[in-house]
Amino acid sequence: MLRRDGGYHLAQKQLPGCCFPPAVEKTYDRSFERFVKANGG
């Protein structure tokens, strides 16, 4: 689920924090690579 600020993050080649589990969101690493790692990839 992308919130209204999703466009900003996507332009920065990142995902919004709400796409990550709380422990990962706290690291501020919002990269696509981190998203894959956080989701078992």
C-alpha atoms as a PDB file:
ATOM      1  CA  MET A   1       0.000   0.000   0.000  1.00  0.00           C
ATOM      2  CA  LEU A   2       1.488   3.348  -1.034  1.00  0.00           C
ATOM      3  CA  ARG A   3       0.474   6.521   0.699  1.00  0.00           C
ATOM      4  CA  ARG A   4       0.359   9.969  -0.893  1.00  0.00           C
ATOM      5  CA  ASP A   5       4.120  10.427  -0.382  1.00  0.00           C
ATOM      6  CA  GLY A   6       4.834   7.305  -2.453  1.00  0.00           C
ATOM      7  CA  GLY A   7       5.604   9.350  -5.561  1.00  0.00           C
ATOM      8  CA  TYR A   8       8.433  11.176  -3.805  1.00  0.00           C
ATOM      9  CA  HIS A   9      10.051   7.967  -2.611  1.00  0.00           C
ATOM     10  CA  LEU A  10       9.698   6.264  -5.966  1.00  0.00           C
ATOM     11  CA  ALA A  11      11.363   9.256  -7.655  1.00  0.00           C
ATOM     12  CA  GLN A  12      14.276   8.737  -5.218  1.00  0.00           C
ATOM     13  CA  LYS A  13      14.362   5.021  -6.136  1.00  0.00           C
ATOM     14  CA  GLN A  14      13.102   4.140  -2.660  1.00  0.00           C
ATOM     15  CA  LEU A  15       9.930   2.795  -1.108  1.00  0.00           C
ATOM     16  CA  PRO A  16       7.943   4.485   1.663  1.00  0.00           C
ATOM     17  CA  GLY A  17       8.679   3.296   5.186  1.00  0.00           C
ATOM     18  CA  CYS A  18       5.213   1.776   5.481  1.00  0.00           C
ATOM     19  CA  CYS A  19       6.345  -0.958   3.066  1.00  0.00           C
ATOM     20  CA  PHE A  20       8.845  -2.299   5.606  1.00  0.00           C
ATOM     21  CA  PRO A  21       8.585  -4.147   8.908  1.00  0.00           C
ATOM     22  CA  PRO A  22       9.111  -1.824  11.926  1.00  0.00           C
ATOM     23  CA  ALA A  23      12.682  -2.993  12.622  1.00  0.00           C
ATOM     24  CA  VAL A  24      13.770  -2.234   9.048  1.00  0.00           C
ATOM     25  CA  GLU A  25      11.821   1.017   8.835  1.00  0.00           C
ATOM     26  CA  LYS A  26      13.857   2.355  11.786  1.00  0.00           C
ATOM     27  CA  THR A  27      17.081   2.012   9.749  1.00  0.00           C
ATOM     28  CA  TYR A  28      15.835   4.501   7.122  1.00  0.00           C
ATOM     29  CA  ASP A  29      17.166   2.189   4.380  1.00  0.00           C
ATOM     30  CA  ARG A  30      14.221   2.366   1.999  1.00  0.00           C
ATOM     31  CA  SER A  31      15.982   0.910  -1.035  1.00  0.00           C
ATOM     32  CA  PHE A  32      14.429  -1.712  -3.282  1.00  0.00           C
ATOM     33  CA  GLU A  33      17.328  -4.017  -2.393  1.00  0.00           C
ATOM     34  CA  ARG A  34      16.523  -3.741   1.328  1.00  0.00           C
ATOM     35  CA  PHE A  35      12.849  -4.397   0.601  1.00  0.00           C
ATOM     36  CA  VAL A  36      13.757  -7.647  -1.167  1.00  0.00           C
ATOM     37  CA  LYS A  37      16.022  -8.713   1.714  1.00  0.00           C
ATOM     38  CA  ALA A  38      13.353  -7.862   4.277  1.00  0.00           C
ATOM     39  CA  ASN A  39      10.880 -10.033   2.415  1.00  0.00           C
ATOM     40  CA  GLY A  40      12.999 -13.157   2.128  1.00  0.00           C
ATOM     41  CA  GLY A  41      14.710 -12.444  -1.180  1.00  0.00           C
END
